[in-house]
Amino acid sequence: GTAHTAAMHAIASRHAAFGPTVRLVKRWLHCQLLSGIFPPQLVELLVAHLFSPAAPRPPGSALLGFLRALWLLETHDFDAEPLLVGLDDGISPEGRAAAQRAFESARGGEGGGAAIWIATDAAPSGSPWCAR
């Protein structure tokens, strides 16, 4: 929605490599025939994680951002923990706790919840664009 678009625009205005990184990751997913599985907003949130205030050092180029996005997809244990994306000032401890509770509730429910669970400071109970 509008809040997501505004948050992505804010990140893009702070980091020149954000937009090109998103486009490169989307293109790669399309070439791997995975674009139907990963909604565009989900890809934007995955890449936003790399540019969030919690990131140790945001990528300085689209290629580095792309490589870090692939590394994130490979190394993050999406089955065991949600991916927390602080879009503004990071996620508060209360937001982290709420995200963990929502994640555990979804994993314990029928179907086990989304394959990729992303929580943001604006949506600690999980992004509506999580892949199912």
C-alpha atoms as a PDB file:
ATOM      1  CA  GLY A   1       0.000   0.000   0.000  1.00  0.00           C
ATOM      2  CA  THR A   2       0.863   3.617   0.365  1.00  0.00           C
ATOM      3  CA  ALA A   3       2.942   3.145   3.520  1.00  0.00           C
ATOM      4  CA  HIS A   4       5.073   0.496   1.811  1.00  0.00           C
ATOM      5  CA  THR A   5       5.652   2.724  -1.218  1.00  0.00           C
ATOM      6  CA  ALA A   6       6.579   5.676   1.000  1.00  0.00           C
ATOM      7  CA  ALA A   7       9.008   3.550   3.021  1.00  0.00           C
ATOM      8  CA  MET A   8      10.702   2.209  -0.131  1.00  0.00           C
ATOM      9  CA  HIS A   9      10.938   5.737  -1.542  1.00  0.00           C
ATOM     10  CA  ALA A  10      12.543   6.945   1.692  1.00  0.00           C
ATOM     11  CA  ILE A  11      15.170   4.194   1.537  1.00  0.00           C
ATOM     12  CA  ALA A  12      15.829   4.892  -2.147  1.00  0.00           C
ATOM     13  CA  SER A  13      16.333   8.597  -1.410  1.00  0.00           C
ATOM     14  CA  ARG A  14      18.925   7.761   1.283  1.00  0.00           C
ATOM     15  CA  HIS A  15      20.736   4.998  -0.644  1.00  0.00           C
ATOM     16  CA  ALA A  16      21.448   5.332  -4.365  1.00  0.00           C
ATOM     17  CA  ALA A  17      22.107   1.595  -4.700  1.00  0.00           C
ATOM     18  CA  PHE A  18      18.701   0.540  -3.312  1.00  0.00           C
ATOM     19  CA  GLY A  19      16.615   0.924  -6.495  1.00  0.00           C
ATOM     20  CA  PRO A  20      19.146  -0.729  -8.813  1.00  0.00           C
ATOM     21  CA  THR A  21      19.609  -3.561  -6.288  1.00  0.00           C
ATOM     22  CA  VAL A  22      15.862  -4.192  -6.168  1.00  0.00           C
ATOM     23  CA  ARG A  23      15.690  -4.258  -9.972  1.00  0.00           C
ATOM     24  CA  LEU A  24      18.645  -6.634 -10.202  1.00  0.00           C
ATOM     25  CA  VAL A  25      17.185  -9.039  -7.620  1.00  0.00           C
ATOM     26  CA  LYS A  26      13.778  -8.960  -9.331  1.00  0.00           C
ATOM     27  CA  ARG A  27      15.426  -9.646 -12.697  1.00  0.00           C
ATOM     28  CA  TRP A  28      17.410 -12.555 -11.263  1.00  0.00           C
ATOM     29  CA  LEU A  29      14.284 -14.061  -9.671  1.00  0.00           C
ATOM     30  CA  HIS A  30      12.467 -13.703 -12.996  1.00  0.00           C
ATOM     31  CA  CYS A  31      15.308 -15.480 -14.826  1.00  0.00           C
ATOM     32  CA  GLN A  32      15.136 -18.297 -12.267  1.00  0.00           C
ATOM     33  CA  LEU A  33      11.353 -18.554 -12.920  1.00  0.00           C
ATOM     34  CA  LEU A  34      10.671 -17.488  -9.329  1.00  0.00           C
ATOM     35  CA  SER A  35       9.031 -14.125  -9.943  1.00  0.00           C
ATOM     36  CA  GLY A  36       5.576 -15.676  -9.518  1.00  0.00           C
ATOM     37  CA  ILE A  37       6.529 -16.898  -6.052  1.00  0.00           C
ATOM     38  CA  PHE A  38       8.104 -13.665  -4.778  1.00  0.00           C
ATOM     39  CA  PRO A  39       5.711 -10.689  -4.964  1.00  0.00           C
ATOM     40  CA  PRO A  40       7.527  -7.454  -5.902  1.00  0.00           C
ATOM     41  CA  GLN A  41       6.843  -5.933  -2.475  1.00  0.00           C
ATOM     42  CA  LEU A  42       8.398  -8.954  -0.772  1.00  0.00           C
ATOM     43  CA  VAL A  43      11.559  -8.531  -2.848  1.00  0.00           C
ATOM     44  CA  GLU A  44      11.657  -4.855  -1.896  1.00  0.00           C
ATOM     45  CA  LEU A  45      11.425  -5.773   1.802  1.00  0.00           C
ATOM     46  CA  LEU A  46      14.191  -8.379   1.468  1.00  0.00           C
ATOM     47  CA  VAL A  47      16.454  -5.798  -0.128  1.00  0.00           C
ATOM     48  CA  ALA A  48      15.347  -3.108   2.363  1.00  0.00           C
ATOM     49  CA  HIS A  49      16.719  -5.339   5.123  1.00  0.00           C
ATOM     50  CA  LEU A  50      20.188  -4.841   3.633  1.00  0.00           C
ATOM     51  CA  PHE A  51      19.778  -1.057   3.772  1.00  0.00           C
ATOM     52  CA  SER A  52      18.010  -0.848   7.151  1.00  0.00           C
ATOM     53  CA  PRO A  53      19.492   0.999  10.138  1.00  0.00           C
ATOM     54  CA  ALA A  54      20.308  -2.386  11.700  1.00  0.00           C
ATOM     55  CA  ALA A  55      22.503  -3.351   8.736  1.00  0.00           C
ATOM     56  CA  PRO A  56      26.197  -3.101   9.626  1.00  0.00           C
ATOM     57  CA  ARG A  57      27.080  -1.337   6.367  1.00  0.00           C
ATOM     58  CA  PRO A  58      24.626  -0.775   3.517  1.00  0.00           C
ATOM     59  CA  PRO A  59      25.805  -1.936   0.082  1.00  0.00           C
ATOM     60  CA  GLY A  60      27.408   0.796  -1.969  1.00  0.00           C
ATOM     61  CA  SER A  61      26.569  -0.681  -5.365  1.00  0.00           C
ATOM     62  CA  ALA A  62      23.802  -2.690  -7.002  1.00  0.00           C
ATOM     63  CA  LEU A  63      26.119  -5.651  -7.554  1.00  0.00           C
ATOM     64  CA  LEU A  64      27.153  -5.779  -3.908  1.00  0.00           C
ATOM     65  CA  GLY A  65      23.504  -5.411  -2.877  1.00  0.00           C
ATOM     66  CA  PHE A  66      22.544  -8.257  -5.206  1.00  0.00           C
ATOM     67  CA  LEU A  67      25.229 -10.526  -3.773  1.00  0.00           C
ATOM     68  CA  ARG A  68      24.184  -9.692  -0.215  1.00  0.00           C
ATOM     69  CA  ALA A  69      20.546 -10.403  -1.101  1.00  0.00           C
ATOM     70  CA  LEU A  70      21.534 -13.837  -2.415  1.00  0.00           C
ATOM     71  CA  TRP A  71      23.576 -14.417   0.727  1.00  0.00           C
ATOM     72  CA  LEU A  72      20.585 -13.410   2.860  1.00  0.00           C
ATOM     73  CA  LEU A  73      18.313 -15.837   1.011  1.00  0.00           C
ATOM     74  CA  GLU A  74      20.875 -18.595   1.469  1.00  0.00           C
ATOM     75  CA  THR A  75      21.822 -18.068   5.104  1.00  0.00           C
ATOM     76  CA  HIS A  76      18.744 -16.743   6.922  1.00  0.00           C
ATOM     77  CA  ASP A  77      16.829 -19.556   8.612  1.00  0.00           C
ATOM     78  CA  PHE A  78      13.325 -18.598   7.473  1.00  0.00           C
ATOM     79  CA  ASP A  79      11.890 -21.731   9.123  1.00  0.00           C
ATOM     80  CA  ALA A  80      13.162 -20.812  12.577  1.00  0.00           C
ATOM     81  CA  GLU A  81      12.975 -17.010  12.770  1.00  0.00           C
ATOM     82  CA  PRO A  82      11.289 -14.064  11.088  1.00  0.00           C
ATOM     83  CA  LEU A  83      13.289 -11.593   9.057  1.00  0.00           C
ATOM     84  CA  LEU A  84      13.027  -8.273  10.911  1.00  0.00           C
ATOM     85  CA  VAL A  85      13.197  -5.188   8.710  1.00  0.00           C
ATOM     86  CA  GLY A  86      13.448  -1.842  10.474  1.00  0.00           C
ATOM     87  CA  LEU A  87      12.327   0.633   7.823  1.00  0.00           C
ATOM     88  CA  ASP A  88      12.643   3.808   9.855  1.00  0.00           C
ATOM     89  CA  ASP A  89      14.529   3.721  13.142  1.00  0.00           C
ATOM     90  CA  GLY A  90      14.634  -0.033  13.511  1.00  0.00           C
ATOM     91  CA  ILE A  91      12.269  -2.346  15.342  1.00  0.00           C
ATOM     92  CA  SER A  92      11.669  -1.699  19.035  1.00  0.00           C
ATOM     93  CA  PRO A  93      12.078  -4.517  21.568  1.00  0.00           C
ATOM     94  CA  GLU A  94       8.275  -4.631  21.873  1.00  0.00           C
ATOM     95  CA  GLY A  95       7.997  -4.898  18.088  1.00  0.00           C
ATOM     96  CA  ARG A  96      10.564  -7.705  18.046  1.00  0.00           C
ATOM     97  CA  ALA A  97       8.630  -9.587  20.714  1.00  0.00           C
ATOM     98  CA  ALA A  98       5.341  -9.089  18.845  1.00  0.00           C
ATOM     99  CA  ALA A  99       6.952 -10.294  15.613  1.00  0.00           C
ATOM    100  CA  GLN A 100       8.345 -13.387  17.326  1.00  0.00           C
ATOM    101  CA  ARG A 101       4.943 -14.206  18.885  1.00  0.00           C
ATOM    102  CA  ALA A 102       3.138 -13.763  15.556  1.00  0.00           C
ATOM    103  CA  PHE A 103       5.765 -15.864  13.787  1.00  0.00           C
ATOM    104  CA  GLU A 104       5.534 -18.691  16.329  1.00  0.00           C
ATOM    105  CA  SER A 105       1.739 -18.572  16.194  1.00  0.00           C
ATOM    106  CA  ALA A 106       1.770 -18.818  12.392  1.00  0.00           C
ATOM    107  CA  ARG A 107       4.328 -21.635  12.412  1.00  0.00           C
ATOM    108  CA  GLY A 108       2.245 -23.547  14.944  1.00  0.00           C
ATOM    109  CA  GLY A 109      -0.971 -23.110  12.975  1.00  0.00           C
ATOM    110  CA  GLU A 110      -2.365 -25.044  10.065  1.00  0.00           C
ATOM    111  CA  GLY A 111      -0.020 -24.937   7.085  1.00  0.00           C
ATOM    112  CA  GLY A 112       2.859 -23.482   9.093  1.00  0.00           C
ATOM    113  CA  GLY A 113       2.427 -19.928   7.839  1.00  0.00           C
ATOM    114  CA  ALA A 114       4.314 -18.167   5.070  1.00  0.00           C
ATOM    115  CA  ALA A 115       7.531 -19.683   3.774  1.00  0.00           C
ATOM    116  CA  ILE A 116       9.233 -16.311   4.147  1.00  0.00           C
ATOM    117  CA  TRP A 117       8.074 -14.332   7.175  1.00  0.00           C
ATOM    118  CA  ILE A 118       9.049 -10.664   7.196  1.00  0.00           C
ATOM    119  CA  ALA A 119       8.099  -8.304  10.008  1.00  0.00           C
ATOM    120  CA  THR A 120       8.639  -4.559   9.838  1.00  0.00           C
ATOM    121  CA  ASP A 121       8.337  -1.792  12.382  1.00  0.00           C
ATOM    122  CA  ALA A 122       5.070  -0.840  10.651  1.00  0.00           C
ATOM    123  CA  ALA A 123       3.804  -4.464  10.537  1.00  0.00           C
ATOM    124  CA  PRO A 124       5.333  -6.438  13.431  1.00  0.00           C
ATOM    125  CA  SER A 125       2.773  -9.214  13.003  1.00  0.00           C
ATOM    126  CA  GLY A 126       4.100  -9.962   9.515  1.00  0.00           C
ATOM    127  CA  SER A 127       4.041  -8.345   6.113  1.00  0.00           C
ATOM    128  CA  PRO A 128       0.953  -8.931   3.998  1.00  0.00           C
ATOM    129  CA  TRP A 129       3.264  -9.770   1.075  1.00  0.00           C
ATOM    130  CA  CYS A 130       4.960 -12.780   2.650  1.00  0.00           C
ATOM    131  CA  ALA A 131       5.240 -15.683   0.210  1.00  0.00           C
ATOM    132  CA  ARG A 132       2.897 -18.543   0.941  1.00  0.00           C
END
